[in-house]
């Protein structure tokens, strides 16, 4: 009797790991292997600029972008993207005047953002229910389209930029897929000394005299289509 009980106990212990396993048949699994080693993504969206202390930086507006991706290994992708905003409004200010009198008009200028970095698929090299969330980060440049100074001695010029964000790939079963992206772009504003000049007609300068530069965050959201190659 004791031997029989011990045998049943041993059999139960051996069976526990198998009973505890929960899985899916291959045809019922929510995961599927990704196909495609390279991709081109064409997207359109909106850049919401964070503004700047002096109020002379580019304002929010529509953007278009193209991104090229190359599969490296596992969940990792190499990425490069070019974003172009054809017409972002900018305000010109003359720091020699006070209040509304320092307003010197507006113009619309293009803005270009070039970046190079990495993307990390959060579900590995697989899609979950047709969805692939991804974290990405990059660095590059931001250019305001001209190196000319305005009346106040300011120019946006070309700057170093960094970013990070989240995107989602919607697998369709064909070489064309949907793609959504949310990116937090960062660049630095640098101002001329005249913006901190307390000897002008305005006793209060445009900026705090101690402020030399200011990093600002800008939110870019886009949606587009991706064409995958070498599936």
Protein backbone atom coordinates (compact mmCIF):
# COMPACT_ATOMS: atom_id res chain seq x y z
CA UNK A 1 0.00 0.00 0.00
CA UNK A 2 2.81 2.38 0.94
CA UNK A 3 4.70 1.50 -2.24
CA UNK A 4 1.59 2.15 -4.32
CA UNK A 5 1.08 5.54 -2.65
CA UNK A 6 4.69 6.53 -3.23
CA UNK A 7 4.45 5.47 -6.86
CA UNK A 8 1.31 7.56 -7.38
CA UNK A 9 2.97 10.57 -5.69
CA UNK A 10 6.07 10.27 -7.89
CA UNK A 11 3.92 9.99 -11.00
CA UNK A 12 1.98 13.10 -9.94
CA UNK A 13 5.18 15.12 -9.42
CA UNK A 14 6.52 14.10 -12.82
CA UNK A 15 3.23 15.10 -14.45
CA UNK A 16 3.05 18.58 -12.86
CA UNK A 17 5.44 20.41 -15.23
CA UNK A 18 3.61 19.08 -18.28
CA UNK A 19 0.23 20.00 -16.81
CA UNK A 20 1.47 23.49 -15.93
CA UNK A 21 2.53 24.28 -19.48
CA UNK A 22 0.09 26.51 -21.29
CA UNK A 23 0.63 27.05 -24.99
CA UNK A 24 -0.94 27.26 -28.39
CA UNK A 25 -0.91 25.10 -31.43
CA UNK A 26 1.16 26.76 -34.20
CA UNK A 27 -1.97 27.66 -36.16
CA UNK A 28 -3.58 29.14 -33.01
CA UNK A 29 -0.58 31.14 -31.69
CA UNK A 30 -1.01 34.96 -31.48
CA UNK A 31 2.65 35.28 -32.60
CA UNK A 32 3.91 35.05 -36.16
CA UNK A 33 7.39 35.41 -37.61
CA UNK A 34 8.16 38.69 -39.35
CA UNK A 35 9.17 38.75 -42.96
CA UNK A 36 11.26 41.35 -44.71
CA UNK A 37 14.88 42.41 -44.21
CA UNK A 38 14.65 45.97 -45.54
CA UNK A 39 11.87 48.53 -45.66
CA UNK A 40 10.97 51.95 -47.03
CA UNK A 41 8.30 53.91 -45.16
CA UNK A 42 6.49 56.92 -46.60
CA UNK A 43 4.57 58.95 -44.04
CA UNK A 44 2.80 62.22 -43.41
CA UNK A 45 2.07 63.85 -40.09
CA UNK A 46 2.39 66.85 -37.83
CA UNK A 47 5.25 68.44 -35.90
CA UNK A 48 4.13 70.17 -32.69
CA UNK A 49 7.04 72.42 -31.74
CA UNK A 50 7.59 73.14 -28.08
CA UNK A 51 8.23 76.83 -28.69
CA UNK A 52 11.23 78.71 -27.37
CA UNK A 53 11.76 81.37 -24.68
CA UNK A 54 12.21 84.19 -27.19
CA UNK A 55 9.32 83.16 -29.44
CA UNK A 56 11.33 83.26 -32.67
CA UNK A 57 11.64 79.55 -33.46
CA UNK A 58 9.58 77.61 -36.01
CA UNK A 59 5.94 76.96 -35.13
CA UNK A 60 3.93 73.77 -35.54
CA UNK A 61 2.97 72.44 -38.95
CA UNK A 62 2.58 69.54 -41.36
CA UNK A 63 5.51 67.25 -42.25
CA UNK A 64 6.29 64.43 -44.66
CA UNK A 65 8.99 61.81 -44.11
CA UNK A 66 10.75 58.85 -45.65
CA UNK A 67 12.51 56.17 -43.60
CA UNK A 68 14.82 53.35 -44.63
CA UNK A 69 15.33 50.33 -42.35
CA UNK A 70 17.70 47.37 -42.46
CA UNK A 71 17.31 44.27 -40.29
CA UNK A 72 20.41 43.56 -38.18
CA UNK A 73 19.67 40.67 -35.83
CA UNK A 74 16.93 39.49 -33.49
CA UNK A 75 14.76 42.49 -32.62
CA UNK A 76 17.26 45.14 -33.81
CA UNK A 77 16.90 47.34 -36.91
CA UNK A 78 19.18 50.03 -38.30
CA UNK A 79 17.17 53.12 -39.31
CA UNK A 80 17.62 56.44 -41.07
CA UNK A 81 14.87 59.01 -41.67
CA UNK A 82 14.47 62.35 -43.39
CA UNK A 83 11.58 64.60 -42.33
CA UNK A 84 10.61 67.74 -44.23
CA UNK A 85 8.23 70.51 -43.19
CA UNK A 86 7.68 72.74 -46.24
CA UNK A 87 6.23 75.81 -44.50
CA UNK A 88 6.58 76.51 -40.79
CA UNK A 89 5.82 80.03 -39.62
CA UNK A 90 8.48 82.05 -37.82
CA UNK A 91 8.23 85.38 -36.01
CA UNK A 92 10.89 88.08 -36.30
CA UNK A 93 11.63 90.35 -33.34
CA UNK A 94 13.77 93.45 -32.92
CA UNK A 95 15.26 93.41 -29.38
CA UNK A 96 15.82 97.20 -29.51
CA UNK A 97 12.11 97.80 -28.92
CA UNK A 98 9.67 96.94 -26.16
CA UNK A 99 6.36 95.11 -26.04
CA UNK A 100 4.49 94.68 -29.31
CA UNK A 101 6.83 97.19 -30.97
CA UNK A 102 9.56 94.53 -31.19
CA UNK A 103 7.40 92.54 -33.61
CA UNK A 104 8.96 92.71 -37.07
CA UNK A 105 6.72 90.43 -39.09
CA UNK A 106 6.55 86.73 -39.89
CA UNK A 107 7.61 84.44 -42.69
CA UNK A 108 7.23 80.78 -43.60
CA UNK A 109 10.41 78.75 -43.84
CA UNK A 110 11.10 75.05 -44.51
CA UNK A 111 12.52 72.78 -41.82
CA UNK A 112 14.43 69.53 -42.41
CA UNK A 113 15.32 66.83 -39.88
CA UNK A 114 17.81 64.08 -40.72
CA UNK A 115 18.43 61.26 -38.27
CA UNK A 116 20.29 57.97 -37.93
CA UNK A 117 19.73 55.40 -35.19
CA UNK A 118 18.28 52.07 -34.10
CA UNK A 119 14.87 50.49 -33.65
CA UNK A 120 14.09 47.70 -31.18
CA UNK A 121 11.05 45.47 -31.74
CA UNK A 122 9.43 44.92 -28.34
CA UNK A 123 8.00 41.55 -29.44
CA UNK A 124 11.29 40.32 -30.90
CA UNK A 125 11.31 39.32 -34.55
CA UNK A 126 7.63 38.42 -34.31
CA UNK A 127 4.25 40.11 -34.58
CA UNK A 128 1.67 39.74 -31.83
CA UNK A 129 -1.85 39.58 -33.29
CA UNK A 130 -0.49 41.39 -36.33
CA UNK A 131 1.06 44.21 -34.27
CA UNK A 132 4.77 44.99 -33.75
CA UNK A 133 5.47 47.76 -31.19
CA UNK A 134 8.92 49.29 -31.44
CA UNK A 135 11.12 51.66 -29.44
CA UNK A 136 13.53 53.79 -31.45
CA UNK A 137 16.19 56.42 -30.81
CA UNK A 138 18.41 58.46 -33.13
CA UNK A 139 20.63 61.50 -33.54
CA UNK A 140 21.26 63.80 -36.47
CA UNK A 141 20.61 67.37 -37.60
CA UNK A 142 17.83 69.95 -37.80
CA UNK A 143 18.04 72.69 -40.43
CA UNK A 144 15.96 75.82 -40.78
CA UNK A 145 16.52 76.20 -44.49
CA UNK A 146 18.67 79.36 -44.36
CA UNK A 147 21.77 80.69 -42.60
CA UNK A 148 20.73 84.34 -42.91
CA UNK A 149 20.30 86.42 -39.74
CA UNK A 150 17.00 88.23 -39.14
CA UNK A 151 16.67 91.86 -38.06
CA UNK A 152 17.36 90.95 -34.42
CA UNK A 153 20.54 89.04 -35.22
CA UNK A 154 18.97 85.59 -34.76
CA UNK A 155 19.07 82.62 -37.10
CA UNK A 156 17.80 79.10 -36.60
CA UNK A 157 20.53 77.66 -38.81
CA UNK A 158 21.51 73.99 -38.63
CA UNK A 159 21.61 72.24 -35.27
CA UNK A 160 22.44 68.92 -33.68
CA UNK A 161 19.33 66.96 -32.72
CA UNK A 162 18.46 63.81 -30.79
CA UNK A 163 15.20 61.94 -30.38
CA UNK A 164 13.42 58.88 -29.05
CA UNK A 165 9.97 57.47 -29.64
CA UNK A 166 7.55 54.61 -30.13
CA UNK A 167 6.16 53.21 -33.35
CA UNK A 168 3.87 50.39 -34.39
CA UNK A 169 4.03 48.14 -37.43
CA UNK A 170 0.74 46.60 -38.60
CA UNK A 171 1.40 43.34 -40.43
CA UNK A 172 -0.96 42.71 -43.34
CA UNK A 173 0.44 39.53 -44.86
CA UNK A 174 1.68 41.37 -47.95
CA UNK A 175 4.78 43.41 -48.73
CA UNK A 176 2.83 46.60 -47.88
CA UNK A 177 2.15 47.34 -44.20
CA UNK A 178 0.79 50.21 -42.12
CA UNK A 179 3.11 52.19 -39.85
CA UNK A 180 2.42 54.70 -37.05
CA UNK A 181 5.03 56.73 -35.21
CA UNK A 182 5.33 59.09 -32.24
CA UNK A 183 8.74 60.77 -31.81
CA UNK A 184 10.03 63.26 -29.25
CA UNK A 185 12.53 65.51 -31.06
CA UNK A 186 15.05 67.66 -29.15
CA UNK A 187 17.20 70.54 -30.34
CA UNK A 188 18.89 73.56 -28.79
CA UNK A 189 18.11 77.25 -29.31
CA UNK A 190 21.02 79.68 -29.15
CA UNK A 191 20.40 83.43 -29.11
CA UNK A 192 22.44 86.55 -29.96
CA UNK A 193 23.68 88.81 -27.18
CA UNK A 194 21.19 91.49 -28.25
CA UNK A 195 18.36 89.34 -26.84
CA UNK A 196 19.87 89.81 -23.37
CA UNK A 197 20.85 93.48 -23.82
CA UNK A 198 19.54 95.68 -20.98
CA UNK A 199 20.94 98.88 -22.55
CA UNK A 200 18.31 98.99 -25.30
CA UNK A 201 15.11 101.07 -25.35
CA UNK A 202 13.43 98.15 -23.59
CA UNK A 203 14.55 97.91 -19.93
CA UNK A 204 13.39 94.29 -19.97
CA UNK A 205 15.30 92.18 -22.55
CA UNK A 206 13.73 89.38 -24.54
CA UNK A 207 15.63 86.83 -22.46
CA UNK A 208 17.05 86.44 -19.00
CA UNK A 209 20.61 87.87 -19.19
CA UNK A 210 21.90 84.62 -17.66
CA UNK A 211 20.35 82.40 -20.35
CA UNK A 212 22.80 81.36 -23.05
CA UNK A 213 20.87 78.54 -24.72
CA UNK A 214 17.80 76.37 -24.27
CA UNK A 215 17.01 72.76 -25.20
CA UNK A 216 13.38 72.20 -26.16
CA UNK A 217 11.32 69.10 -26.89
CA UNK A 218 9.09 68.85 -29.96
CA UNK A 219 6.52 66.15 -30.70
CA UNK A 220 6.28 64.56 -34.14
CA UNK A 221 3.40 62.20 -34.99
CA UNK A 222 3.00 60.47 -38.34
CA UNK A 223 1.21 57.64 -40.11
CA UNK A 224 2.24 55.97 -43.33
CA UNK A 225 2.83 52.82 -45.35
CA UNK A 226 5.90 50.60 -45.46
CA UNK A 227 7.16 48.53 -48.37
CA UNK A 228 9.19 45.51 -47.24
CA UNK A 229 11.79 43.78 -49.37
CA UNK A 230 13.58 40.40 -49.29
CA UNK A 231 10.83 38.56 -47.48
